[in-house]
Amino acid sequence: MTSSEGLHRRDLMKSNLQQNPFALLGVSTRDSRRRIVELAEEKSLELDHDICQKARSDLTSPRMRLTAEMAWLPGVSPGKARQLIFALQSDPMSLRDEAGLPTLAQLNLLAAAFESVDGSESADQISEFIQELASLTDELSTDQILRDINEDRSVSGFPEINSFDPIEAELAERKRFYRNAIKVALDKLPVAVLVDAMTMTVDEVTFGGEVHAPELIDDLVDSYAVETQGFLQKEAENTDKLINAAREAAASGEEALKPIIEKLELVARNWDKVAQPIQLSAKARGIDHDPSREIARSIRTLAVDLFNEHGMLALSQRLTNLIQELFSEVPEVSDQVEEDLEALADIVRNREGADDRNSEWAREITFHAEIGMIFKETLSISPEGLTWKNQHYPLDSITRIRWGGTRHSVNGIPTGTTYTIAFGDSRSVAVVELRKDSTFSSFIQKLWRAVGVRMLIRILEKLRDGKEMRIGDATIRDTGIVLVKRKFFGSNEQVPFSWQEIRIWSADGSLFIGSKADSKAYVSLPYLEHWNVQVLEQAINLVINKPGARRLSDILR
């Protein structure tokens, strides 16, 4: 044997093919109705009478006959059919080497041979067999099947089929049978071999998730996903428990945390081993495997928190490397982890220069100016905070900012612009008015770098946690924004829109947010009247331009 080498020879006593009415009665597809009745009577002397009568009825009824024909060897001569059935009995795996058969007949033979799998085969052998079946299934042609069946019927005297519809209906049943035959065979394997066989199969037919799989493989993976759901759900719960335990142990130091991280790695590897075929299939279909993505996100969040809150760079890198290794088939996760690894590598390379970077940041945000013609007041910004007149605000305390300019004119002749800058905490605000454009521009740039970015992150985190934010007539949520739809008659209407359904623009000192499809649905937010309009504008620009982003908080990923 060649392709069947290493598989055991075994008797196949009750394959689906051998229980076909044609096989039970020993008749061919070219035998007449009279001949079928005669052979049924003869067979009833050695087989159960009811079984023979049922087989006769199936082959003489035009409606039932098609089912038997589709599950038999259409297009194969009677002599060749007898030879193949004998080989199926004596050496089923030898049928894999048969060439020149009609596709449907070859598939039915291979499916029967697959029923001989007893659990002793290797993952490689099973994977190769599955790929043969899948490839042939994609080659099935209703034209060829109809032609083969009608050629036999023209000899046997049964009425020919005049439509593709019954062929296509039976073909759908056949495909389900092939999938189930594979599932039955897989269930005979040890769990580790089953998982390996599925992973090898999907990996090879999709070239690592890069191309679509045959239809039979997709159906098989969908069934596999359903059957492994319980295991994956349990491992996901174990992952959550270990992540929570790691957070609690982090305050006690790295030594207390390491055993928990080791257990987390083990559980994650168990998860990934079983989920691999599903991940590869999802990637080939252009989607993410959501449960894998959620686990990867949870582990990534732990890695980020261990570094940000506890300074545990080594453990953060360890977890990030784990995510890259296990979830490379999930595109969204893979892209994000690449960025994380690059960022962590930069931190490792530059950690010794942290003081220099802090000094550089301090230089970048530091500003000092005297405002006023005669009685001058100091406007300043530094790592210690913002100062205006006798008011001082630490950078972390700032919760609101706004700025803008108002142009002045007399009789249509421009007389200059007054610039306003305001900032404050939860208790008070400072308002600065000045006329010098260069001072205004320099301060705004440093204000954004010092407090704008951290305010943006703080707002996005609140939205991610389910909170809403109100600015003027707009209600901002993580998933979208509520705009005002203006009506000529009746009251205006509050209408929600996703971030993909809106556009933004600036005009007359205001930020406008409007529906792409409905010009009557919009809000106008004057920069100088409402707090944090500039922060909202920056967030919307980021989410609109971030591929795949659906929520404002997606910016944080």
Protein backbone atom coordinates (compact mmCIF):
# COMPACT_ATOMS: atom_id res chain seq x y z
CA MET A 1 0.00 0.00 0.00
CA THR A 2 1.15 3.58 -0.64
CA SER A 3 -1.10 6.35 0.69
CA SER A 4 -2.63 3.83 3.09
CA GLU A 5 0.73 2.70 4.41
CA GLY A 6 0.80 2.36 8.19
CA LEU A 7 -2.97 1.91 8.50
CA HIS A 8 -4.19 -1.48 9.69
CA ARG A 9 -6.14 -3.75 7.37
CA ARG A 10 -9.47 -4.59 8.87
CA ASP A 11 -12.82 -6.01 7.94
CA LEU A 12 -15.56 -3.48 7.43
CA MET A 13 -18.76 -5.42 8.02
CA LYS A 14 -21.38 -2.73 8.21
CA SER A 15 -20.29 0.40 6.40
CA ASN A 16 -22.99 2.71 5.11
CA LEU A 17 -22.09 1.70 1.57
CA GLN A 18 -22.46 -2.01 2.31
CA GLN A 19 -25.90 -1.38 3.79
CA ASN A 20 -27.02 0.37 0.63
CA PRO A 21 -30.01 -1.39 -1.04
CA PHE A 22 -27.89 -2.12 -4.13
CA ALA A 23 -25.32 -3.94 -1.98
CA LEU A 24 -27.87 -5.78 0.17
CA LEU A 25 -29.70 -7.26 -2.81
CA GLY A 26 -26.62 -7.70 -4.97
CA VAL A 27 -28.18 -5.74 -7.85
CA SER A 28 -26.63 -3.13 -10.13
CA THR A 29 -27.85 0.30 -11.17
CA ARG A 30 -28.58 -1.18 -14.62
CA ASP A 31 -30.88 -3.96 -13.44
CA SER A 32 -34.56 -3.67 -14.34
CA ARG A 33 -37.46 -3.45 -11.90
CA ARG A 34 -38.28 -7.12 -12.62
CA ARG A 35 -34.72 -8.23 -11.90
CA ILE A 36 -34.71 -6.29 -8.60
CA VAL A 37 -37.91 -8.03 -7.48
CA GLU A 38 -36.47 -11.45 -8.38
CA LEU A 39 -33.21 -10.88 -6.51
CA ALA A 40 -35.11 -9.50 -3.50
CA GLU A 41 -37.09 -12.73 -3.30
CA GLU A 42 -33.91 -14.79 -3.53
CA LYS A 43 -32.11 -12.74 -0.89
CA SER A 44 -35.04 -13.03 1.52
CA LEU A 45 -34.14 -16.72 1.88
CA GLU A 46 -30.82 -15.82 3.50
CA LEU A 47 -31.47 -12.31 4.89
CA ASP A 48 -34.27 -10.85 6.97
CA HIS A 49 -37.42 -10.73 4.82
CA ASP A 50 -38.38 -7.20 5.97
CA ILE A 51 -34.92 -5.87 5.17
CA CYS A 52 -35.09 -7.29 1.64
CA GLN A 53 -38.57 -5.90 1.06
CA LYS A 54 -37.45 -2.48 2.28
CA ALA A 55 -34.43 -2.57 -0.05
CA ARG A 56 -36.67 -3.62 -2.98
CA SER A 57 -39.09 -0.79 -2.23
CA ASP A 58 -36.25 1.74 -2.05
CA LEU A 59 -34.90 0.71 -5.46
CA THR A 60 -38.22 0.47 -7.29
CA SER A 61 -39.73 3.71 -5.96
CA PRO A 62 -38.50 6.58 -8.20
CA ARG A 63 -38.35 8.99 -5.24
CA MET A 64 -36.50 6.66 -2.89
CA ARG A 65 -34.28 5.24 -5.63
CA LEU A 66 -32.40 8.52 -6.10
CA THR A 67 -31.30 8.50 -2.46
CA ALA A 68 -29.89 4.99 -2.89
CA GLU A 69 -28.21 5.91 -6.20
CA MET A 70 -26.53 8.99 -4.74
CA ALA A 71 -25.18 6.91 -1.82
CA TRP A 72 -23.97 4.15 -4.16
CA LEU A 73 -21.51 4.16 -7.07
CA PRO A 74 -23.19 6.10 -9.92
CA GLY A 75 -21.29 5.89 -13.21
CA VAL A 76 -19.39 2.71 -12.21
CA SER A 77 -19.97 -0.47 -14.25
CA PRO A 78 -21.59 -3.45 -12.45
CA GLY A 79 -18.40 -5.53 -12.63
CA LYS A 80 -16.22 -2.74 -11.28
CA ALA A 81 -18.76 -2.04 -8.51
CA ARG A 82 -18.60 -5.67 -7.34
CA GLN A 83 -14.80 -5.50 -7.35
CA LEU A 84 -14.79 -2.31 -5.27
CA ILE A 85 -17.23 -3.71 -2.71
CA PHE A 86 -15.03 -6.80 -2.35
CA ALA A 87 -11.98 -4.54 -1.77
CA LEU A 88 -13.98 -2.58 0.78
CA GLN A 89 -14.57 -5.79 2.69
CA SER A 90 -10.99 -7.08 2.52
CA ASP A 91 -8.82 -3.96 2.50
CA PRO A 92 -10.80 -0.72 2.82
CA MET A 93 -7.79 1.59 2.79
CA SER A 94 -6.70 0.28 -0.62
CA LEU A 95 -9.64 2.21 -2.05
CA ARG A 96 -7.70 5.43 -1.52
CA ASP A 97 -5.48 4.40 -4.43
CA GLU A 98 -8.38 3.91 -6.87
CA ALA A 99 -8.20 6.30 -9.82
CA GLY A 100 -10.48 7.17 -12.72
CA LEU A 101 -13.75 6.85 -10.80
CA PRO A 102 -16.57 9.41 -10.97
CA THR A 103 -16.17 11.90 -8.13
CA LEU A 104 -19.33 10.98 -6.23
CA ALA A 105 -18.58 7.26 -6.41
CA GLN A 106 -15.01 7.84 -5.22
CA LEU A 107 -16.27 9.96 -2.33
CA ASN A 108 -18.75 7.31 -1.24
CA LEU A 109 -15.98 4.70 -1.27
CA LEU A 110 -13.59 6.90 0.73
CA ALA A 111 -16.30 7.71 3.26
CA ALA A 112 -16.90 3.98 3.69
CA ALA A 113 -13.16 3.44 4.14
CA PHE A 114 -13.11 6.24 6.71
CA GLU A 115 -15.62 4.26 8.73
CA SER A 116 -12.88 1.67 9.25
CA VAL A 117 -10.76 4.07 11.31
CA ASP A 118 -10.33 2.46 14.74
CA GLY A 119 -8.36 5.05 16.69
CA SER A 120 -4.89 3.64 16.13
CA GLU A 121 -4.05 6.01 13.26
CA SER A 122 -1.72 8.99 13.60
CA ALA A 123 -2.81 12.61 13.32
CA ASP A 124 -0.88 12.88 10.03
CA GLN A 125 -2.75 9.96 8.48
CA ILE A 126 -6.17 11.20 9.57
CA SER A 127 -5.40 14.74 8.37
CA GLU A 128 -4.31 13.49 4.95
CA PHE A 129 -7.50 11.42 4.65
CA ILE A 130 -9.73 14.37 5.62
CA GLN A 131 -8.04 16.59 3.05
CA GLU A 132 -8.67 13.99 0.31
CA LEU A 133 -12.37 13.92 1.17
CA ALA A 134 -12.61 17.72 1.34
CA SER A 135 -10.86 18.21 -1.99
CA LEU A 136 -13.10 15.70 -3.76
CA THR A 137 -16.23 17.23 -2.20
CA ASP A 138 -15.36 20.59 -3.76
CA GLU A 139 -15.05 18.85 -7.15
CA LEU A 140 -18.59 17.42 -7.13
CA SER A 141 -20.59 18.37 -10.21
CA THR A 142 -24.38 18.11 -10.46
CA ASP A 143 -24.01 17.87 -14.25
CA GLN A 144 -21.80 14.79 -14.00
CA ILE A 145 -23.98 13.17 -11.33
CA LEU A 146 -27.17 13.72 -13.34
CA ARG A 147 -25.53 12.33 -16.46
CA ASP A 148 -24.16 9.22 -14.69
CA ILE A 149 -27.49 8.41 -13.01
CA ASN A 150 -29.54 8.93 -16.17
CA GLU A 151 -27.19 6.75 -18.24
CA ASP A 152 -27.80 3.87 -15.82
CA ARG A 153 -31.55 4.56 -15.72
CA SER A 154 -31.76 4.50 -19.50
CA VAL A 155 -30.48 0.89 -19.36
CA SER A 156 -32.54 -0.21 -16.35
CA GLY A 157 -35.78 1.27 -17.67
CA PHE A 158 -36.41 3.65 -14.76
CA PRO A 159 -37.57 7.19 -15.67
CA GLU A 160 -34.76 9.68 -16.11
CA ILE A 161 -34.36 12.75 -13.87
CA ASN A 162 -35.18 15.99 -15.69
CA SER A 163 -34.12 18.57 -13.08
CA PHE A 164 -31.07 19.44 -11.03
CA ASP A 165 -33.22 20.22 -7.97
CA PRO A 166 -33.54 16.65 -6.58
CA ILE A 167 -29.83 16.06 -7.29
CA GLU A 168 -28.84 19.18 -5.36
CA ALA A 169 -31.10 18.26 -2.44
CA GLU A 170 -29.59 14.78 -2.19
CA LEU A 171 -26.09 16.20 -2.64
CA ALA A 172 -26.59 18.42 0.40
CA GLU A 173 -27.47 15.29 2.38
CA ARG A 174 -24.39 13.52 1.05
CA LYS A 175 -22.13 16.37 2.19
CA ARG A 176 -23.66 16.17 5.67
CA PHE A 177 -22.99 12.44 5.63
CA TYR A 178 -19.30 12.96 4.72
CA ARG A 179 -18.91 15.46 7.53
CA ASN A 180 -20.57 13.11 10.02
CA ALA A 181 -18.43 10.18 8.82
CA ILE A 182 -15.33 12.24 9.59
CA LYS A 183 -16.73 13.25 12.99
CA VAL A 184 -17.45 9.62 13.91
CA ALA A 185 -13.90 8.66 12.95
CA LEU A 186 -12.41 11.57 14.88
CA ASP A 187 -14.39 10.60 17.98
CA LYS A 188 -12.56 7.26 17.98
CA LEU A 189 -9.20 8.99 18.36
CA PRO A 190 -7.47 9.98 21.60
CA VAL A 191 -8.27 13.63 22.32
CA ALA A 192 -4.70 14.81 21.70
CA VAL A 193 -4.59 13.06 18.31
CA LEU A 194 -8.01 14.47 17.38
CA VAL A 195 -6.91 18.03 18.14
CA ASP A 196 -3.62 17.57 16.27
CA ALA A 197 -5.42 16.12 13.25
CA MET A 198 -7.86 19.03 13.12
CA THR A 199 -5.05 21.58 13.52
CA MET A 200 -2.91 19.99 10.80
CA THR A 201 -5.87 19.80 8.45
CA VAL A 202 -6.97 23.42 8.81
CA ASP A 203 -3.40 24.72 8.83
CA GLU A 204 -2.52 22.92 5.59
CA VAL A 205 -5.68 23.60 3.59
CA THR A 206 -5.68 27.31 4.54
CA PHE A 207 -1.90 27.77 4.31
CA GLY A 208 -1.81 29.01 7.90
CA GLY A 209 -5.09 30.91 7.68
CA GLU A 210 -4.23 32.78 4.47
CA VAL A 211 -6.72 31.19 2.03
CA HIS A 212 -10.29 29.90 2.29
CA ALA A 213 -10.76 26.26 3.24
CA PRO A 214 -12.94 23.80 1.31
CA GLU A 215 -16.59 23.87 2.35
CA LEU A 216 -16.36 20.50 4.10
CA ILE A 217 -13.49 21.73 6.29
CA ASP A 218 -15.42 24.86 7.30
CA ASP A 219 -18.42 22.72 8.25
CA LEU A 220 -16.17 20.36 10.19
CA VAL A 221 -14.55 23.24 12.10
CA ASP A 222 -17.98 24.67 12.94
CA SER A 223 -18.97 21.32 14.45
CA TYR A 224 -15.64 21.11 16.27
CA ALA A 225 -16.22 24.59 17.71
CA VAL A 226 -19.60 23.55 19.11
CA GLU A 227 -18.22 20.37 20.65
CA THR A 228 -15.22 22.09 22.26
CA GLN A 229 -17.22 25.03 23.57
CA GLY A 230 -17.62 23.51 27.04
CA PHE A 231 -13.90 22.89 27.45
CA LEU A 232 -12.97 26.34 26.17
CA GLN A 233 -15.52 28.00 28.43
CA LYS A 234 -14.10 26.18 31.47
CA GLU A 235 -10.53 27.16 30.57
CA ALA A 236 -11.64 30.75 30.00
CA GLU A 237 -13.08 30.80 33.53
CA ASN A 238 -9.83 29.35 34.90
CA THR A 239 -7.92 32.07 33.04
CA ASP A 240 -10.09 34.80 34.61
CA LYS A 241 -9.55 33.34 38.08
CA LEU A 242 -5.78 33.25 37.62
CA ILE A 243 -5.71 36.81 36.26
CA ASN A 244 -7.66 38.01 39.30
CA ALA A 245 -5.31 36.08 41.59
CA ALA A 246 -2.32 37.66 39.83
CA ARG A 247 -3.72 41.15 40.41
CA GLU A 248 -4.16 40.43 44.11
CA ALA A 249 -0.67 38.94 44.43
CA ALA A 250 1.06 41.73 42.51
CA ALA A 251 1.30 43.96 45.57
CA SER A 252 3.37 41.25 47.30
CA GLY A 253 6.08 41.34 44.65
CA GLU A 254 7.33 39.29 41.70
CA GLU A 255 8.26 36.18 43.70
CA ALA A 256 4.68 35.80 44.96
CA LEU A 257 3.37 36.39 41.45
CA LYS A 258 5.56 34.00 39.44
CA PRO A 259 3.77 30.72 40.40
CA ILE A 260 0.44 32.22 39.36
CA ILE A 261 1.88 33.41 36.04
CA GLU A 262 3.22 29.89 35.40
CA LYS A 263 -0.25 28.41 35.98
CA LEU A 264 -1.76 31.08 33.74
CA GLU A 265 0.67 30.16 30.97
CA LEU A 266 -0.27 26.47 31.28
CA VAL A 267 -4.01 27.17 31.09
CA ALA A 268 -3.54 29.56 28.16
CA ARG A 269 -1.52 26.93 26.28
CA ASN A 270 -4.22 24.32 26.91
CA TRP A 271 -6.82 26.76 25.59
CA ASP A 272 -4.81 27.62 22.50
CA LYS A 273 -4.04 24.01 21.60
CA VAL A 274 -7.74 23.18 21.40
CA ALA A 275 -8.72 26.52 19.83
CA GLN A 276 -6.02 26.45 17.10
CA PRO A 277 -8.20 24.96 14.33
CA ILE A 278 -10.97 27.47 15.08
CA GLN A 279 -8.53 30.39 15.10
CA LEU A 280 -6.98 29.36 11.77
CA SER A 281 -10.39 28.86 10.18
CA ALA A 282 -11.62 32.23 11.45
CA LYS A 283 -8.51 33.95 10.09
CA ALA A 284 -9.03 32.31 6.68
CA ARG A 285 -12.64 33.59 6.68
CA GLY A 286 -11.50 37.11 7.53
CA ILE A 287 -12.89 37.20 11.07
CA ASP A 288 -11.53 36.95 14.61
CA HIS A 289 -12.27 34.13 17.01
CA ASP A 290 -13.96 36.28 19.67
CA PRO A 291 -13.29 34.02 22.71
CA SER A 292 -9.58 33.87 21.83
CA ARG A 293 -9.50 37.62 21.35
CA GLU A 294 -11.11 38.18 24.76
CA ILE A 295 -8.63 35.90 26.54
CA ALA A 296 -5.72 37.59 24.77
CA ARG A 297 -7.10 41.01 25.75
CA SER A 298 -7.44 39.96 29.40
CA ILE A 299 -3.86 38.68 29.53
CA ARG A 300 -2.62 41.80 27.72
CA THR A 301 -4.42 44.07 30.19
CA LEU A 302 -2.75 42.19 33.05
CA ALA A 303 0.64 42.62 31.34
CA VAL A 304 0.05 46.35 30.91
CA ASP A 305 -1.09 46.78 34.52
CA LEU A 306 1.83 44.82 35.92
CA PHE A 307 4.17 47.24 34.21
CA ASN A 308 2.24 50.48 34.67
CA GLU A 309 1.16 49.94 38.27
CA HIS A 310 3.93 47.73 39.66
CA GLY A 311 6.90 48.30 37.36
CA MET A 312 7.21 44.55 36.63
CA LEU A 313 8.80 44.84 33.21
CA ALA A 314 10.09 41.24 32.98
CA LEU A 315 6.72 39.65 33.78
CA SER A 316 4.97 42.07 31.44
CA GLN A 317 7.31 41.01 28.63
CA ARG A 318 6.80 37.35 29.50
CA LEU A 319 3.02 37.64 29.19
CA THR A 320 3.25 39.70 26.02
CA ASN A 321 5.52 37.11 24.41
CA LEU A 322 3.03 34.42 25.45
CA ILE A 323 0.19 36.26 23.69
CA GLN A 324 2.28 36.67 20.55
CA GLU A 325 3.12 32.96 20.55
CA LEU A 326 -0.41 31.66 21.19
CA PHE A 327 -2.65 34.15 19.41
CA SER A 328 -0.76 35.02 16.24
CA GLU A 329 -3.73 33.64 14.25
CA VAL A 330 -6.01 36.39 15.62
CA PRO A 331 -5.12 39.43 13.44
CA GLU A 332 -6.33 42.13 15.81
CA VAL A 333 -4.45 40.61 18.74
CA SER A 334 -1.33 39.97 16.67
CA ASP A 335 -1.11 43.56 15.46
CA GLN A 336 -1.61 45.00 18.95
CA VAL A 337 0.91 42.66 20.57
CA GLU A 338 3.53 43.56 17.98
CA GLU A 339 3.16 47.16 19.04
CA ASP A 340 3.32 46.17 22.71
CA LEU A 341 6.50 44.16 22.20
CA GLU A 342 8.10 47.01 20.33
CA ALA A 343 7.12 49.44 23.07
CA LEU A 344 8.45 47.13 25.80
CA ALA A 345 11.66 46.64 23.86
CA ASP A 346 12.04 50.39 23.69
CA ILE A 347 11.47 50.61 27.44
CA VAL A 348 14.13 47.98 28.08
CA ARG A 349 16.60 49.72 25.78
CA ASN A 350 15.90 53.16 27.15
CA ARG A 351 15.16 52.55 30.80
CA GLU A 352 18.56 53.81 31.85
CA GLY A 353 17.77 57.04 30.06
CA ALA A 354 14.42 57.52 31.82
CA ASP A 355 15.67 60.54 33.73
CA ASP A 356 16.78 62.15 30.50
CA ARG A 357 13.39 61.52 28.89
CA ASN A 358 11.59 62.97 31.90
CA SER A 359 13.79 66.01 31.65
CA GLU A 360 13.03 66.29 27.95
CA TRP A 361 9.26 66.05 28.60
CA ALA A 362 9.59 68.71 31.30
CA ARG A 363 11.35 71.00 28.82
CA GLU A 364 8.70 70.35 26.19
CA ILE A 365 5.79 71.38 28.42
CA THR A 366 7.43 74.19 30.37
CA PHE A 367 6.10 77.65 29.53
CA HIS A 368 6.27 81.08 31.13
CA ALA A 369 4.84 84.39 29.92
CA GLU A 370 3.88 87.77 31.31
CA ILE A 371 0.39 88.78 30.20
CA GLY A 372 -0.83 92.41 30.21
CA MET A 373 0.31 95.82 29.04
CA ILE A 374 0.82 97.58 32.35
CA PHE A 375 -0.20 95.27 35.18
CA LYS A 376 1.36 92.00 34.15
CA GLU A 377 0.26 88.60 35.37
CA THR A 378 2.17 85.33 35.07
CA LEU A 379 0.88 82.44 32.99
CA SER A 380 3.01 79.34 33.37
CA ILE A 381 3.02 75.57 32.95
CA SER A 382 5.55 73.03 34.28
CA PRO A 383 5.59 69.48 35.68
CA GLU A 384 4.41 71.01 38.96
CA GLY A 385 1.21 72.36 37.39
CA LEU A 386 -0.47 75.37 35.77
CA THR A 387 -0.42 78.86 37.28
CA TRP A 388 -2.42 81.97 36.43
CA LYS A 389 -2.43 85.00 38.71
CA ASN A 390 -2.74 83.57 42.21
CA GLN A 391 -4.30 80.26 41.13
CA HIS A 392 -2.29 77.04 40.90
CA TYR A 393 -3.50 73.66 39.59
CA PRO A 394 -1.48 70.39 39.70
CA LEU A 395 -1.50 68.73 36.27
CA ASP A 396 -3.41 65.69 37.54
CA SER A 397 -6.17 67.85 38.98
CA ILE A 398 -7.21 69.42 35.66
CA THR A 399 -10.62 68.13 34.56
CA ARG A 400 -11.64 70.74 31.98
CA ILE A 401 -10.03 72.87 29.31
CA ARG A 402 -11.18 75.10 26.47
CA TRP A 403 -9.68 77.74 24.22
CA GLY A 404 -10.44 79.84 21.16
CA GLY A 405 -10.24 83.26 19.55
CA THR A 406 -12.74 86.06 18.92
CA ARG A 407 -12.08 88.41 16.01
CA HIS A 408 -12.99 92.10 16.41
CA SER A 409 -13.78 94.73 13.81
CA VAL A 410 -15.09 98.29 13.58
CA ASN A 411 -17.24 99.17 10.57
CA GLY A 412 -16.05 96.00 8.89
CA ILE A 413 -12.37 96.77 9.47
CA PRO A 414 -10.50 94.07 11.51
CA THR A 415 -9.10 95.43 14.77
CA GLY A 416 -7.51 92.25 16.12
CA THR A 417 -8.33 89.03 17.93
CA THR A 418 -8.83 88.26 21.57
CA TYR A 419 -7.69 84.79 22.60
CA THR A 420 -9.23 82.99 25.55
CA ILE A 421 -7.76 80.05 27.44
CA ALA A 422 -9.60 78.42 30.35
CA PHE A 423 -8.72 75.49 32.54
CA GLY A 424 -9.77 74.21 35.93
CA ASP A 425 -10.38 71.39 38.36
CA SER A 426 -13.65 70.22 39.91
CA ARG A 427 -13.83 73.28 42.19
CA SER A 428 -12.64 76.35 40.26
CA VAL A 429 -11.49 77.63 36.89
CA ALA A 430 -8.92 80.09 35.60
CA VAL A 431 -9.69 82.23 32.55
CA VAL A 432 -6.87 83.89 30.59
CA GLU A 433 -7.41 86.53 27.90
CA LEU A 434 -4.57 87.76 25.69
CA ARG A 435 -3.97 89.37 22.31
CA LYS A 436 -0.69 87.85 21.22
CA ASP A 437 -1.13 84.97 18.78
CA SER A 438 2.34 83.45 19.32
CA THR A 439 1.83 83.28 23.09
CA PHE A 440 -1.60 81.71 22.65
CA SER A 441 -0.33 79.07 20.15
CA SER A 442 2.71 78.13 22.24
CA PHE A 443 0.73 77.74 25.43
CA ILE A 444 -2.02 75.65 23.79
CA GLN A 445 0.53 73.26 22.33
CA LYS A 446 2.14 72.72 25.74
CA LEU A 447 -1.23 72.57 27.52
CA TRP A 448 -2.33 69.71 25.29
CA ARG A 449 0.92 67.83 25.82
CA ALA A 450 0.81 68.30 29.59
CA VAL A 451 -2.87 67.66 30.40
CA GLY A 452 -4.88 67.18 27.19
CA VAL A 453 -3.60 63.69 26.45
CA ARG A 454 -4.16 62.39 29.98
CA MET A 455 -7.64 63.97 30.02
CA LEU A 456 -8.43 62.20 26.76
CA ILE A 457 -7.36 58.84 28.22
CA ARG A 458 -9.33 59.47 31.42
CA ILE A 459 -12.51 60.27 29.46
CA LEU A 460 -12.12 57.23 27.21
CA GLU A 461 -11.71 54.97 30.24
CA LYS A 462 -14.93 56.31 31.77
CA LEU A 463 -16.82 55.77 28.51
CA ARG A 464 -15.41 52.24 28.30
CA ASP A 465 -16.83 51.60 31.78
CA GLY A 466 -20.32 52.46 30.53
CA LYS A 467 -20.56 56.09 31.60
CA GLU A 468 -21.90 58.89 29.36
CA MET A 469 -20.59 62.40 28.83
CA ARG A 470 -22.69 65.45 28.03
CA ILE A 471 -21.31 68.44 26.10
CA GLY A 472 -23.87 71.00 25.01
CA ASP A 473 -26.69 69.26 23.14
CA ALA A 474 -24.56 66.16 22.51
CA THR A 475 -24.62 62.99 24.57
CA ILE A 476 -21.43 61.00 24.07
CA ARG A 477 -21.23 57.26 24.64
CA ASP A 478 -18.51 54.75 23.96
CA THR A 479 -20.52 53.30 21.06
CA GLY A 480 -21.64 56.58 19.48
CA ILE A 481 -23.24 59.96 19.93
CA VAL A 482 -26.80 61.27 20.31
CA LEU A 483 -27.47 64.16 17.89
CA VAL A 484 -30.39 66.54 17.55
CA LYS A 485 -32.58 66.05 14.48
CA ARG A 486 -34.24 69.36 13.69
CA LYS A 487 -37.83 69.43 12.39
CA PHE A 488 -39.89 72.21 10.82
CA PHE A 489 -42.99 70.92 12.53
CA GLY A 490 -42.99 69.32 15.94
CA SER A 491 -40.28 68.97 18.52
CA ASN A 492 -36.68 68.21 17.69
CA GLU A 493 -35.71 64.57 18.08
CA GLN A 494 -32.74 62.97 19.87
CA VAL A 495 -31.24 60.38 17.50
CA PRO A 496 -28.30 58.04 18.29
CA PHE A 497 -25.57 57.43 15.70
CA SER A 498 -22.53 55.19 15.67
CA TRP A 499 -19.11 56.77 15.13
CA GLN A 500 -19.04 55.34 11.61
CA GLU A 501 -22.23 57.22 10.74
CA ILE A 502 -21.06 60.75 11.58
CA ARG A 503 -18.70 63.41 10.25
CA ILE A 504 -17.17 66.48 11.93
CA TRP A 505 -16.14 69.95 10.78
CA SER A 506 -15.30 73.37 12.24
CA ALA A 507 -16.99 76.65 11.35
CA ASP A 508 -17.63 80.03 13.04
CA GLY A 509 -15.78 79.09 16.21
CA SER A 510 -17.73 75.86 16.72
CA LEU A 511 -17.26 72.14 16.30
CA PHE A 512 -20.06 70.59 14.25
CA ILE A 513 -20.90 66.89 14.52
CA GLY A 514 -23.45 65.65 12.02
CA SER A 515 -24.92 62.57 10.39
CA LYS A 516 -23.39 61.57 7.06
CA ALA A 517 -26.81 60.61 5.74
CA ASP A 518 -29.14 63.20 7.31
CA SER A 519 -28.15 66.87 7.12
CA LYS A 520 -30.84 67.78 9.67
CA ALA A 521 -29.21 65.72 12.42
CA TYR A 522 -26.29 67.59 14.00
CA VAL A 523 -25.04 69.50 17.03
CA SER A 524 -23.00 72.68 17.22
CA LEU A 525 -20.49 72.98 20.08
CA PRO A 526 -18.85 76.44 20.37
CA TYR A 527 -15.24 75.99 21.49
CA LEU A 528 -15.43 78.91 23.93
CA GLU A 529 -18.79 78.01 25.49
CA HIS A 530 -18.34 74.33 26.36
CA TRP A 531 -15.63 72.49 28.24
CA ASN A 532 -13.49 69.83 26.59
CA VAL A 533 -14.79 70.27 23.05
CA GLN A 534 -11.21 70.05 21.75
CA VAL A 535 -10.71 66.79 23.65
CA LEU A 536 -13.88 65.33 22.10
CA GLU A 537 -12.80 66.51 18.65
CA GLN A 538 -9.44 64.76 18.98
CA ALA A 539 -11.13 61.53 20.16
CA ILE A 540 -13.58 61.50 17.23
CA ASN A 541 -10.80 62.12 14.72
CA LEU A 542 -8.83 59.22 16.19
CA VAL A 543 -11.73 56.73 16.15
CA ILE A 544 -12.80 57.71 12.61
CA ASN A 545 -9.27 57.15 11.31
CA LYS A 546 -8.53 53.94 13.26
CA PRO A 547 -9.24 50.88 11.06
CA GLY A 548 -11.78 48.55 12.63
CA ALA A 549 -12.59 50.89 15.54
CA ARG A 550 -16.24 50.77 16.63
CA ARG A 551 -16.00 52.40 20.07
CA LEU A 552 -14.17 55.49 21.26
CA SER A 553 -12.34 53.33 23.80
CA ASP A 554 -10.90 51.29 20.91
CA ILE A 555 -8.36 54.12 20.67
CA LEU A 556 -6.78 52.77 23.87
CA ARG A 557 -5.95 49.43 22.29
